[in-house]
PDB file of N, CA and C in Angstrom:
ATOM      1  N   MET A   1      19.993  -1.778  -4.504  1.00  0.00           N
ATOM      2  CA  MET A   1      18.233  -2.097  -4.294  1.00  0.00           C
ATOM      3  C   MET A   1      17.819  -0.842  -3.847  1.00  0.00           C
ATOM      4  N   ALA A   2      16.920  -0.418  -4.087  1.00  0.00           N
ATOM      5  CA  ALA A   2      16.101   0.674  -3.588  1.00  0.00           C
ATOM      6  C   ALA A   2      14.979   0.180  -2.265  1.00  0.00           C
ATOM      7  N   ASP A   3      14.385   1.204  -1.746  1.00  0.00           N
ATOM      8  CA  ASP A   3      13.865   0.586  -0.724  1.00  0.00           C
ATOM      9  C   ASP A   3      12.839  -0.088  -0.845  1.00  0.00           C
ATOM     10  N   ARG A   4      11.755   0.095  -1.480  1.00  0.00           N
ATOM     11  CA  ARG A   4      10.695  -0.631  -2.314  1.00  0.00           C
ATOM     12  C   ARG A   4      11.095  -1.967  -2.478  1.00  0.00           C
ATOM     13  N   GLU A   5      12.216  -2.238  -2.758  1.00  0.00           N
ATOM     14  CA  GLU A   5      12.305  -3.612  -3.285  1.00  0.00           C
ATOM     15  C   GLU A   5      12.761  -4.426  -1.857  1.00  0.00           C
ATOM     16  N   VAL A   6      13.708  -3.841  -0.964  1.00  0.00           N
ATOM     17  CA  VAL A   6      14.171  -4.650   0.229  1.00  0.00           C
ATOM     18  C   VAL A   6      12.710  -4.780   0.894  1.00  0.00           C
ATOM     19  N   ASP A   7      11.719  -3.758   0.560  1.00  0.00           N
ATOM     20  CA  ASP A   7      10.210  -3.826   1.813  1.00  0.00           C
ATOM     21  C   ASP A   7       9.878  -4.968   0.978  1.00  0.00           C
ATOM     22  N   GLU A   8       9.505  -5.402  -0.178  1.00  0.00           N
ATOM     23  CA  GLU A   8       8.737  -6.192  -1.036  1.00  0.00           C
ATOM     24  C   GLU A   8       9.281  -7.322  -0.688  1.00  0.00           C
ATOM     25  N   MET A   9      10.627  -7.546  -0.463  1.00  0.00           N
ATOM     26  CA  MET A   9      10.981  -8.670   0.050  1.00  0.00           C
ATOM     27  C   MET A   9      10.411  -9.195   1.275  1.00  0.00           C
ATOM     28  N   ARG A  10      10.941  -8.460   1.847  1.00  0.00           N
ATOM     29  CA  ARG A  10      10.596  -8.139   3.766  1.00  0.00           C
ATOM     30  C   ARG A  10       8.786  -8.699   3.823  1.00  0.00           C
ATOM     31  N   ARG A  11       8.067  -8.202   3.353  1.00  0.00           N
ATOM     32  CA  ARG A  11       6.724  -8.760   2.991  1.00  0.00           C
ATOM     33  C   ARG A  11       6.735  -9.891   2.373  1.00  0.00           C
ATOM     34  N   GLY A  12       7.832 -10.913   2.036  1.00  0.00           N
ATOM     35  CA  GLY A  12       7.658 -12.151   1.062  1.00  0.00           C
ATOM     36  C   GLY A  12       7.121 -12.127  -0.173  1.00  0.00           C
ATOM     37  N   ASN A  13       7.227 -10.482  -0.887  1.00  0.00           N
ATOM     38  CA  ASN A  13       6.585 -10.665  -2.284  1.00  0.00           C
ATOM     39  C   ASN A  13       7.893 -10.547  -3.198  1.00  0.00           C
ATOM     40  N   SER A  14       8.337 -11.516  -3.247  1.00  0.00           N
ATOM     41  CA  SER A  14      10.276 -11.581  -4.390  1.00  0.00           C
ATOM     42  C   SER A  14       9.534 -12.248  -5.403  1.00  0.00           C
ATOM     43  N   GLU A  15       8.426 -11.911  -5.720  1.00  0.00           N
ATOM     44  CA  GLU A  15       8.039 -11.971  -6.883  1.00  0.00           C
ATOM     45  C   GLU A  15       7.355 -10.961  -8.075  1.00  0.00           C
ATOM     46  N   ASN A  16       7.232 -10.145  -6.801  1.00  0.00           N
ATOM     47  CA  ASN A  16       7.003  -8.568  -7.264  1.00  0.00           C
ATOM     48  C   ASN A  16       8.272  -7.823  -7.762  1.00  0.00           C
ATOM     49  N   LEU A  17       9.306  -7.592  -7.365  1.00  0.00           N
ATOM     50  CA  LEU A  17      10.608  -7.305  -7.993  1.00  0.00           C
ATOM     51  C   LEU A  17      10.851  -6.930  -8.970  1.00  0.00           C
ATOM     52  N   GLY A  18      10.187  -7.433  -9.988  1.00  0.00           N
ATOM     53  CA  GLY A  18      10.379  -7.355 -10.822  1.00  0.00           C
ATOM     54  C   GLY A  18       9.843  -6.193 -11.760  1.00  0.00           C
ATOM     55  N   LEU A  19       8.543  -5.640 -10.950  1.00  0.00           N
ATOM     56  CA  LEU A  19       7.659  -4.625 -11.407  1.00  0.00           C
ATOM     57  C   LEU A  19       8.263  -3.144 -10.540  1.00  0.00           C
ATOM     58  N   VAL A  20       9.254  -3.612  -9.839  1.00  0.00           N
ATOM     59  CA  VAL A  20       9.374  -2.565  -8.212  1.00  0.00           C
ATOM     60  C   VAL A  20      10.282  -1.376  -8.742  1.00  0.00           C
ATOM     61  N   LYS A  21      10.411  -0.666  -9.675  1.00  0.00           N
ATOM     62  CA  LYS A  21      11.476  -0.054  -9.637  1.00  0.00           C
ATOM     63  C   LYS A  21      11.456   1.778  -9.339  1.00  0.00           C
ATOM     64  N   GLN A  22      10.398   1.771  -8.841  1.00  0.00           N
ATOM     65  CA  GLN A  22      10.312   3.146  -8.347  1.00  0.00           C
ATOM     66  C   GLN A  22      11.152   3.156  -7.075  1.00  0.00           C
ATOM     67  N   MET A  23      11.595   4.366  -6.476  1.00  0.00           N
ATOM     68  CA  MET A  23      12.329   4.864  -5.029  1.00  0.00           C
ATOM     69  C   MET A  23      11.551   5.058  -4.205  1.00  0.00           C
ATOM     70  N   VAL A  24      11.040   4.691  -3.228  1.00  0.00           N
ATOM     71  CA  VAL A  24      10.054   5.353  -2.097  1.00  0.00           C
ATOM     72  C   VAL A  24      11.236   5.535  -0.959  1.00  0.00           C
ATOM     73  N   SER A  25      11.111   5.885  -0.074  1.00  0.00           N
ATOM     74  CA  SER A  25      12.113   6.168   1.297  1.00  0.00           C
ATOM     75  C   SER A  25      11.172   5.808   2.485  1.00  0.00           C
ATOM     76  N   THR A  26      11.196   4.065   2.621  1.00  0.00           N
ATOM     77  CA  THR A  26       9.905   4.008   3.678  1.00  0.00           C
ATOM     78  C   THR A  26      10.867   3.315   4.650  1.00  0.00           C
ATOM     79  N   CYS A  27      12.160   3.426   4.332  1.00  0.00           N
ATOM     80  CA  CYS A  27      12.792   2.771   5.859  1.00  0.00           C
ATOM     81  C   CYS A  27      12.334   2.928   7.392  1.00  0.00           C
ATOM     82  N   TRP A  28      12.455   3.839   6.906  1.00  0.00           N
ATOM     83  CA  TRP A  28      12.302   4.878   8.622  1.00  0.00           C
ATOM     84  C   TRP A  28      10.884   4.605   9.060  1.00  0.00           C
ATOM     85  N   ALA A  29      10.231   4.105   8.560  1.00  0.00           N
ATOM     86  CA  ALA A  29       8.941   3.692   8.867  1.00  0.00           C
ATOM     87  C   ALA A  29       9.119   1.829   9.490  1.00  0.00           C
ATOM     88  N   PHE A  30       9.376   0.988   9.038  1.00  0.00           N
ATOM     89  CA  PHE A  30       9.651  -0.175   9.386  1.00  0.00           C
ATOM     90  C   PHE A  30      10.492  -0.227  10.053  1.00  0.00           C
ATOM     91  N   ALA A  31      12.007   0.694  10.066  1.00  0.00           N
ATOM     92  CA  ALA A  31      12.555   0.738  11.489  1.00  0.00           C
ATOM     93  C   ALA A  31      11.779   0.989  13.062  1.00  0.00           C
ATOM     94  N   THR A  32      11.171   1.861  12.961  1.00  0.00           N
ATOM     95  CA  THR A  32      10.300   2.340  13.874  1.00  0.00           C
ATOM     96  C   THR A  32       9.050   1.921  14.109  1.00  0.00           C
ATOM     97  N   LEU A  33       8.181   1.083  13.408  1.00  0.00           N
ATOM     98  CA  LEU A  33       6.986   0.147  13.695  1.00  0.00           C
ATOM     99  C   LEU A  33       7.627  -1.064  14.268  1.00  0.00           C
ATOM    100  N   ASP A  34       8.808  -1.553  13.590  1.00  0.00           N
ATOM    101  CA  ASP A  34       9.633  -3.005  14.832  1.00  0.00           C
ATOM    102  C   ASP A  34       9.463  -2.759  15.775  1.00  0.00           C
ATOM    103  N   ALA A  35      10.017  -1.465  16.609  1.00  0.00           N
ATOM    104  CA  ALA A  35      10.458  -1.412  17.736  1.00  0.00           C
ATOM    105  C   ALA A  35       9.436  -0.915  18.400  1.00  0.00           C
ATOM    106  N   ILE A  36       8.098  -0.428  18.352  1.00  0.00           N
ATOM    107  CA  ILE A  36       6.890  -0.258  18.762  1.00  0.00           C
ATOM    108  C   ILE A  36       6.103  -1.655  18.533  1.00  0.00           C
ATOM    109  N   GLU A  37       5.999  -2.295  17.696  1.00  0.00           N
ATOM    110  CA  GLU A  37       5.855  -3.891  17.978  1.00  0.00           C
ATOM    111  C   GLU A  37       5.830  -4.686  18.821  1.00  0.00           C
ATOM    112  N   LEU A  38       7.982  -4.463  18.968  1.00  0.00           N
ATOM    113  CA  LEU A  38       8.334  -4.982  20.085  1.00  0.00           C
ATOM    114  C   LEU A  38       7.921  -4.903  21.433  1.00  0.00           C
ATOM    115  N   ARG A  39       7.639  -3.405  21.518  1.00  0.00           N
ATOM    116  CA  ARG A  39       7.205  -2.633  22.602  1.00  0.00           C
ATOM    117  C   ARG A  39       5.562  -3.442  23.223  1.00  0.00           C
ATOM    118  N   HIS A  40       4.786  -3.287  22.295  1.00  0.00           N
ATOM    119  CA  HIS A  40       3.559  -3.756  22.441  1.00  0.00           C
ATOM    120  C   HIS A  40       3.672  -5.289  22.872  1.00  0.00           C
ATOM    121  N   LYS A  41       4.566  -5.725  22.260  1.00  0.00           N
ATOM    122  CA  LYS A  41       3.870  -7.225  22.715  1.00  0.00           C
ATOM    123  C   LYS A  41       5.132  -7.464  24.049  1.00  0.00           C
ATOM    124  N   MET A  42       6.031  -7.119  24.525  1.00  0.00           N
ATOM    125  CA  MET A  42       6.232  -6.889  25.522  1.00  0.00           C
ATOM    126  C   MET A  42       5.560  -6.038  26.468  1.00  0.00           C
ATOM    127  N   LYS A  43       4.439  -5.607  26.400  1.00  0.00           N
ATOM    128  CA  LYS A  43       3.956  -5.159  27.484  1.00  0.00           C
ATOM    129  C   LYS A  43       2.580  -5.783  27.354  1.00  0.00           C
ATOM    130  N   THR A  44       1.840  -6.506  26.297  1.00  0.00           N
ATOM    131  CA  THR A  44       0.817  -6.996  26.130  1.00  0.00           C
ATOM    132  C   THR A  44       1.134  -8.427  25.492  1.00  0.00           C
ATOM    133  N   GLY A  45       1.989  -8.724  25.445  1.00  0.00           N
ATOM    134  CA  GLY A  45       1.937 -10.395  25.045  1.00  0.00           C
ATOM    135  C   GLY A  45       1.097 -11.064  23.689  1.00  0.00           C
ATOM    136  N   GLU A  46       0.537  -9.786  22.893  1.00  0.00           N
ATOM    137  CA  GLU A  46       0.181  -9.893  22.083  1.00  0.00           C
ATOM    138  C   GLU A  46       1.261  -9.272  21.046  1.00  0.00           C
ATOM    139  N   GLU A  47       0.946 -10.368  20.030  1.00  0.00           N
ATOM    140  CA  GLU A  47       1.892 -10.722  18.422  1.00  0.00           C
ATOM    141  C   GLU A  47       1.407  -9.185  17.661  1.00  0.00           C
ATOM    142  N   ILE A  48       1.276  -8.179  16.719  1.00  0.00           N
ATOM    143  CA  ILE A  48       0.488  -7.206  16.203  1.00  0.00           C
ATOM    144  C   ILE A  48       1.556  -6.574  14.963  1.00  0.00           C
ATOM    145  N   ARG A  49       1.394  -6.934  13.918  1.00  0.00           N
ATOM    146  CA  ARG A  49       2.157  -6.088  12.833  1.00  0.00           C
ATOM    147  C   ARG A  49       1.153  -4.598  12.517  1.00  0.00           C
ATOM    148  N   PHE A  50       1.618  -3.693  12.857  1.00  0.00           N
ATOM    149  CA  PHE A  50       1.302  -2.412  12.864  1.00  0.00           C
ATOM    150  C   PHE A  50       1.080  -1.540  11.191  1.00  0.00           C
ATOM    151  N   SER A  51       0.528  -0.904  10.679  1.00  0.00           N
ATOM    152  CA  SER A  51       0.664  -0.008   9.603  1.00  0.00           C
ATOM    153  C   SER A  51       1.585   0.482   8.908  1.00  0.00           C
ATOM    154  N   VAL A  52       2.775   0.184   8.474  1.00  0.00           N
ATOM    155  CA  VAL A  52       3.390   0.937   7.735  1.00  0.00           C
ATOM    156  C   VAL A  52       2.866   1.726   6.778  1.00  0.00           C
ATOM    157  N   GLN A  53       1.794   1.675   6.262  1.00  0.00           N
ATOM    158  CA  GLN A  53       1.060   2.233   5.045  1.00  0.00           C
ATOM    159  C   GLN A  53       0.909   3.922   5.982  1.00  0.00           C
ATOM    160  N   GLN A  54      -0.071   3.758   6.796  1.00  0.00           N
ATOM    161  CA  GLN A  54      -0.570   4.980   7.978  1.00  0.00           C
ATOM    162  C   GLN A  54       0.787   5.200   8.126  1.00  0.00           C
ATOM    163  N   MET A  55       2.045   5.028   8.587  1.00  0.00           N
ATOM    164  CA  MET A  55       3.206   6.142   8.663  1.00  0.00           C
ATOM    165  C   MET A  55       3.442   7.045   7.993  1.00  0.00           C
ATOM    166  N   ILE A  56       3.492   6.518   6.706  1.00  0.00           N
ATOM    167  CA  ILE A  56       4.134   6.560   5.446  1.00  0.00           C
ATOM    168  C   ILE A  56       3.195   7.750   4.850  1.00  0.00           C
ATOM    169  N   ASP A  57       1.296   7.838   5.031  1.00  0.00           N
ATOM    170  CA  ASP A  57       0.836   8.653   4.838  1.00  0.00           C
ATOM    171  C   ASP A  57       0.125   9.672   5.536  1.00  0.00           C
ATOM    172  N   PHE A  58       0.601   9.547   7.073  1.00  0.00           N
ATOM    173  CA  PHE A  58       0.067  10.291   8.030  1.00  0.00           C
ATOM    174  C   PHE A  58       1.207  11.033   9.048  1.00  0.00           C
ATOM    175  N   VAL A  59       1.961  10.373   8.800  1.00  0.00           N
ATOM    176  CA  VAL A  59       3.165  10.713  10.149  1.00  0.00           C
ATOM    177  C   VAL A  59       4.089  12.122   9.086  1.00  0.00           C
ATOM    178  N   TRP A  60       4.237  11.791   7.842  1.00  0.00           N
ATOM    179  CA  TRP A  60       5.728  12.520   7.503  1.00  0.00           C
ATOM    180  C   TRP A  60       4.928  13.363   6.364  1.00  0.00           C
ATOM    181  N   PRO A  61       4.661  14.868   6.648  1.00  0.00           N
ATOM    182  CA  PRO A  61       3.736  15.508   5.974  1.00  0.00           C
ATOM    183  C   PRO A  61       4.280  15.994   4.466  1.00  0.00           C
ATOM    184  N   GLU A  62       3.846  15.995   3.857  1.00  0.00           N
ATOM    185  CA  GLU A  62       4.263  15.994   2.210  1.00  0.00           C
ATOM    186  C   GLU A  62       5.082  16.972   2.035  1.00  0.00           C
ATOM    187  N   GLU A  63       5.173  17.666   2.461  1.00  0.00           N
ATOM    188  CA  GLU A  63       6.115  18.701   1.843  1.00  0.00           C
ATOM    189  C   GLU A  63       7.808  18.788   2.945  1.00  0.00           C
ATOM    190  N   LYS A  64       7.611  17.549   3.727  1.00  0.00           N
ATOM    191  CA  LYS A  64       8.762  17.038   4.340  1.00  0.00           C
ATOM    192  C   LYS A  64       9.499  15.723   3.588  1.00  0.00           C
ATOM    193  N   PHE A  65       8.430  15.124   2.837  1.00  0.00           N
ATOM    194  CA  PHE A  65       8.654  13.481   2.006  1.00  0.00           C
ATOM    195  C   PHE A  65       9.814  14.118   0.856  1.00  0.00           C
ATOM    196  N   LYS A  66      11.004  13.822   1.038  1.00  0.00           N
ATOM    197  CA  LYS A  66      12.104  13.473   0.085  1.00  0.00           C
ATOM    198  C   LYS A  66      12.819  12.180   0.211  1.00  0.00           C
ATOM    199  N   ILE A  67      13.291  11.907  -0.753  1.00  0.00           N
ATOM    200  CA  ILE A  67      13.965  10.617  -0.591  1.00  0.00           C
ATOM    201  C   ILE A  67      15.221  10.948  -0.268  1.00  0.00           C
ATOM    202  N   GLY A  68      15.545   9.723   0.444  1.00  0.00           N
ATOM    203  CA  GLY A  68      16.776   9.626   1.557  1.00  0.00           C
ATOM    204  C   GLY A  68      16.795  10.110   2.698  1.00  0.00           C
ATOM    205  N   GLN A  69      16.044  10.922   3.564  1.00  0.00           N
ATOM    206  CA  GLN A  69      16.133  11.839   3.861  1.00  0.00           C
ATOM    207  C   GLN A  69      15.720  11.046   5.794  1.00  0.00           C
ATOM    208  N   GLY A  70      15.200  10.082   5.680  1.00  0.00           N
ATOM    209  CA  GLY A  70      14.658   9.651   7.224  1.00  0.00           C
ATOM    210  C   GLY A  70      13.695  10.064   7.486  1.00  0.00           C
ATOM    211  N   PHE A  71      13.620   9.636   9.578  1.00  0.00           N
ATOM    212  CA  PHE A  71      12.611  10.470   9.678  1.00  0.00           C
ATOM    213  C   PHE A  71      12.958  10.244  11.193  1.00  0.00           C
ATOM    214  N   LYS A  72      12.655  10.532  12.012  1.00  0.00           N
ATOM    215  CA  LYS A  72      12.922  10.888  13.319  1.00  0.00           C
ATOM    216  C   LYS A  72      11.779   9.922  13.692  1.00  0.00           C
ATOM    217  N   LEU A  73      12.346   9.125  15.359  1.00  0.00           N
ATOM    218  CA  LEU A  73      12.129   8.000  15.800  1.00  0.00           C
ATOM    219  C   LEU A  73      10.969   8.797  16.782  1.00  0.00           C
ATOM    220  N   VAL A  74      11.578   9.817  17.163  1.00  0.00           N
ATOM    221  CA  VAL A  74      10.489  10.522  18.093  1.00  0.00           C
ATOM    222  C   VAL A  74       9.322  11.028  17.756  1.00  0.00           C
ATOM    223  N   GLU A  75       8.847  11.837  16.327  1.00  0.00           N
ATOM    224  CA  GLU A  75       7.802  12.024  16.074  1.00  0.00           C
ATOM    225  C   GLU A  75       7.385  11.006  15.907  1.00  0.00           C
ATOM    226  N   THR A  76       7.550  10.085  15.393  1.00  0.00           N
ATOM    227  CA  THR A  76       6.455   9.144  15.167  1.00  0.00           C
ATOM    228  C   THR A  76       5.913   8.603  15.879  1.00  0.00           C
ATOM    229  N   LEU A  77       6.870   7.843  17.557  1.00  0.00           N
ATOM    230  CA  LEU A  77       6.387   7.722  18.363  1.00  0.00           C
ATOM    231  C   LEU A  77       5.117   8.537  19.330  1.00  0.00           C
ATOM    232  N   GLU A  78       5.533   9.986  18.867  1.00  0.00           N
ATOM    233  CA  GLU A  78       4.656  11.047  19.436  1.00  0.00           C
ATOM    234  C   GLU A  78       3.177  10.915  18.908  1.00  0.00           C
ATOM    235  N   TYR A  79       2.960  10.441  17.622  1.00  0.00           N
ATOM    236  CA  TYR A  79       2.329  10.321  16.572  1.00  0.00           C
ATOM    237  C   TYR A  79       1.061   9.279  16.960  1.00  0.00           C
ATOM    238  N   ASN A  80       2.271   8.315  17.133  1.00  0.00           N
ATOM    239  CA  ASN A  80       1.170   7.161  18.219  1.00  0.00           C
ATOM    240  C   ASN A  80       0.817   7.320  19.345  1.00  0.00           C
ATOM    241  N   LYS A  81       1.344   7.960  19.702  1.00  0.00           N
ATOM    242  CA  LYS A  81       0.262   7.996  21.409  1.00  0.00           C
ATOM    243  C   LYS A  81      -0.796   8.939  21.555  1.00  0.00           C
ATOM    244  N   SER A  82      -1.055   9.732  20.082  1.00  0.00           N
ATOM    245  CA  SER A  82      -1.806  11.153  20.175  1.00  0.00           C
ATOM    246  C   SER A  82      -2.989  10.168  19.075  1.00  0.00           C
ATOM    247  N   GLU A  83      -2.085  10.153  18.081  1.00  0.00           N
ATOM    248  CA  GLU A  83      -3.335   9.888  17.249  1.00  0.00           C
ATOM    249  C   GLU A  83      -3.638   8.213  17.352  1.00  0.00           C
ATOM    250  N   GLY A  84      -2.934   7.016  17.748  1.00  0.00           N
ATOM    251  CA  GLY A  84      -3.069   6.247  17.666  1.00  0.00           C
ATOM    252  C   GLY A  84      -2.504   5.327  16.369  1.00  0.00           C
ATOM    253  N   ILE A  85      -2.152   3.651  16.388  1.00  0.00           N
ATOM    254  CA  ILE A  85      -1.716   3.082  14.842  1.00  0.00           C
ATOM    255  C   ILE A  85      -2.946   2.146  15.174  1.00  0.00           C
ATOM    256  N   THR A  86      -3.184   1.844  13.364  1.00  0.00           N
ATOM    257  CA  THR A  86      -3.676   0.536  12.985  1.00  0.00           C
ATOM    258  C   THR A  86      -3.152  -0.361  12.569  1.00  0.00           C
ATOM    259  N   THR A  87      -3.577  -1.766  12.226  1.00  0.00           N
ATOM    260  CA  THR A  87      -2.981  -2.754  11.898  1.00  0.00           C
ATOM    261  C   THR A  87      -2.586  -2.716   9.997  1.00  0.00           C
ATOM    262  N   GLU A  88      -1.329  -3.560  10.052  1.00  0.00           N
ATOM    263  CA  GLU A  88      -1.037  -4.076   8.815  1.00  0.00           C
ATOM    264  C   GLU A  88      -2.254  -4.407   7.666  1.00  0.00           C
ATOM    265  N   LYS A  89      -3.095  -5.135   8.619  1.00  0.00           N
ATOM    266  CA  LYS A  89      -4.423  -6.283   8.017  1.00  0.00           C
ATOM    267  C   LYS A  89      -5.444  -5.588   7.190  1.00  0.00           C
ATOM    268  N   ILE A  90      -5.683  -4.402   8.201  1.00  0.00           N
ATOM    269  CA  ILE A  90      -6.711  -3.180   7.681  1.00  0.00           C
ATOM    270  C   ILE A  90      -6.029  -2.093   6.564  1.00  0.00           C
ATOM    271  N   TYR A  91      -4.954  -1.970   7.373  1.00  0.00           N
ATOM    272  CA  TYR A  91      -4.015  -0.461   6.157  1.00  0.00           C
ATOM    273  C   TYR A  91      -2.796  -1.196   5.428  1.00  0.00           C
ATOM    274  N   PRO A  92      -3.222  -2.079   4.569  1.00  0.00           N
ATOM    275  CA  PRO A  92      -1.571  -2.478   4.371  1.00  0.00           C
ATOM    276  C   PRO A  92      -0.745  -1.932   3.329  1.00  0.00           C
ATOM    277  N   TYR A  93       0.270  -2.403   3.700  1.00  0.00           N
ATOM    278  CA  TYR A  93       1.476  -1.654   2.683  1.00  0.00           C
ATOM    279  C   TYR A  93       1.442  -1.713   1.250  1.00  0.00           C
ATOM    280  N   LEU A  94       1.525  -0.332   0.598  1.00  0.00           N
ATOM    281  CA  LEU A  94       1.442   0.259  -0.994  1.00  0.00           C
ATOM    282  C   LEU A  94       2.935   0.349  -1.827  1.00  0.00           C
ATOM    283  N   GLY A  95       3.585   0.900  -0.229  1.00  0.00           N
ATOM    284  CA  GLY A  95       5.027   1.342  -1.045  1.00  0.00           C
ATOM    285  C   GLY A  95       4.902   3.059  -2.033  1.00  0.00           C
ATOM    286  N   CYS A  96       4.007   3.704  -1.669  1.00  0.00           N
ATOM    287  CA  CYS A  96       4.341   5.110  -1.937  1.00  0.00           C
ATOM    288  C   CYS A  96       3.390   5.727  -1.508  1.00  0.00           C
ATOM    289  N   ARG A  97       3.006   7.068  -1.408  1.00  0.00           N
ATOM    290  CA  ARG A  97       2.423   7.897   0.460  1.00  0.00           C
ATOM    291  C   ARG A  97       1.469   8.311  -0.915  1.00  0.00           C
ATOM    292  N   GLN A  98       0.078   8.222  -0.270  1.00  0.00           N
ATOM    293  CA  GLN A  98      -1.255   8.395  -0.588  1.00  0.00           C
ATOM    294  C   GLN A  98      -1.603   9.704   0.485  1.00  0.00           C
ATOM    295  N   ASN A  99      -2.500  10.379  -0.461  1.00  0.00           N
ATOM    296  CA  ASN A  99      -3.125  11.694  -0.277  1.00  0.00           C
ATOM    297  C   ASN A  99      -4.847  11.214   0.332  1.00  0.00           C
ATOM    298  N   ILE A 100      -4.417  10.515   1.899  1.00  0.00           N
ATOM    299  CA  ILE A 100      -5.372   9.848   2.574  1.00  0.00           C
ATOM    300  C   ILE A 100      -5.788  11.089   3.978  1.00  0.00           C
ATOM    301  N   THR A 101      -7.410  11.540   3.936  1.00  0.00           N
ATOM    302  CA  THR A 101      -7.547  12.361   4.839  1.00  0.00           C
ATOM    303  C   THR A 101      -8.825  11.678   5.889  1.00  0.00           C
ATOM    304  N   ASP A 102      -8.851  10.750   5.504  1.00  0.00           N
ATOM    305  CA  ASP A 102      -9.780   9.387   6.586  1.00  0.00           C
ATOM    306  C   ASP A 102      -8.930   8.591   7.360  1.00  0.00           C
ATOM    307  N   ARG A 103      -9.308   9.009   8.744  1.00  0.00           N
ATOM    308  CA  ARG A 103      -8.888   8.530  10.151  1.00  0.00           C
ATOM    309  C   ARG A 103      -9.609   7.948  10.422  1.00  0.00           C
ATOM    310  N   THR A 104     -10.512   7.587  10.182  1.00  0.00           N
ATOM    311  CA  THR A 104     -11.606   6.438  11.045  1.00  0.00           C
ATOM    312  C   THR A 104     -11.528   5.055  11.202  1.00  0.00           C
ATOM    313  N   MET A 105     -10.178   4.629  11.174  1.00  0.00           N
ATOM    314  CA  MET A 105      -9.748   2.896  11.184  1.00  0.00           C
ATOM    315  C   MET A 105      -9.821   2.681  12.676  1.00  0.00           C
ATOM    316  N   PRO A 106      -9.862   1.406  13.231  1.00  0.00           N
ATOM    317  CA  PRO A 106      -9.233   1.414  14.220  1.00  0.00           C
ATOM    318  C   PRO A 106      -8.407   1.549  14.590  1.00  0.00           C
ATOM    319  N   GLN A 107      -8.023   2.121  15.906  1.00  0.00           N
ATOM    320  CA  GLN A 107      -6.610   2.190  16.597  1.00  0.00           C
ATOM    321  C   GLN A 107      -6.028   1.727  17.386  1.00  0.00           C
ATOM    322  N   VAL A 108      -4.664   1.302  17.406  1.00  0.00           N
ATOM    323  CA  VAL A 108      -4.086   1.123  19.124  1.00  0.00           C
ATOM    324  C   VAL A 108      -3.433   2.210  19.365  1.00  0.00           C
ATOM    325  N   PHE A 109      -3.492   2.664  20.718  1.00  0.00           N
ATOM    326  CA  PHE A 109      -2.699   3.585  21.201  1.00  0.00           C
ATOM    327  C   PHE A 109      -1.610   2.635  22.148  1.00  0.00           C
ATOM    328  N   ILE A 110      -0.546   3.362  21.518  1.00  0.00           N
ATOM    329  CA  ILE A 110       1.042   2.999  22.327  1.00  0.00           C
ATOM    330  C   ILE A 110       1.442   4.013  24.000  1.00  0.00           C
ATOM    331  N   SER A 111       1.750   3.271  24.761  1.00  0.00           N
ATOM    332  CA  SER A 111       1.730   4.259  25.814  1.00  0.00           C
ATOM    333  C   SER A 111       3.418   3.989  26.428  1.00  0.00           C
TER     334      SER A 111
END
């Protein structure tokens, strides 16, 4: 099963599985954000869903974006500390990399 199919199932979008045939490597973003969300909840008591799409678009430079290579947790955490991260509601998951340069969305900074 391709990463995108797993991602769609995780988001509860099983009706879209028939349409999803492209493979995008996003498992690193989901795993990393799960850890960040848990830490945020432990520190603040607030349950929040951070934007996986933001991680895909901004954390991993396009020249490094190769399917199946994964990503380093430390680099993602450093990005979140310095740049902040927005919510899934503001910046929803699309399952593919976009060429976005606008970073004006509201951010939460992880310490």
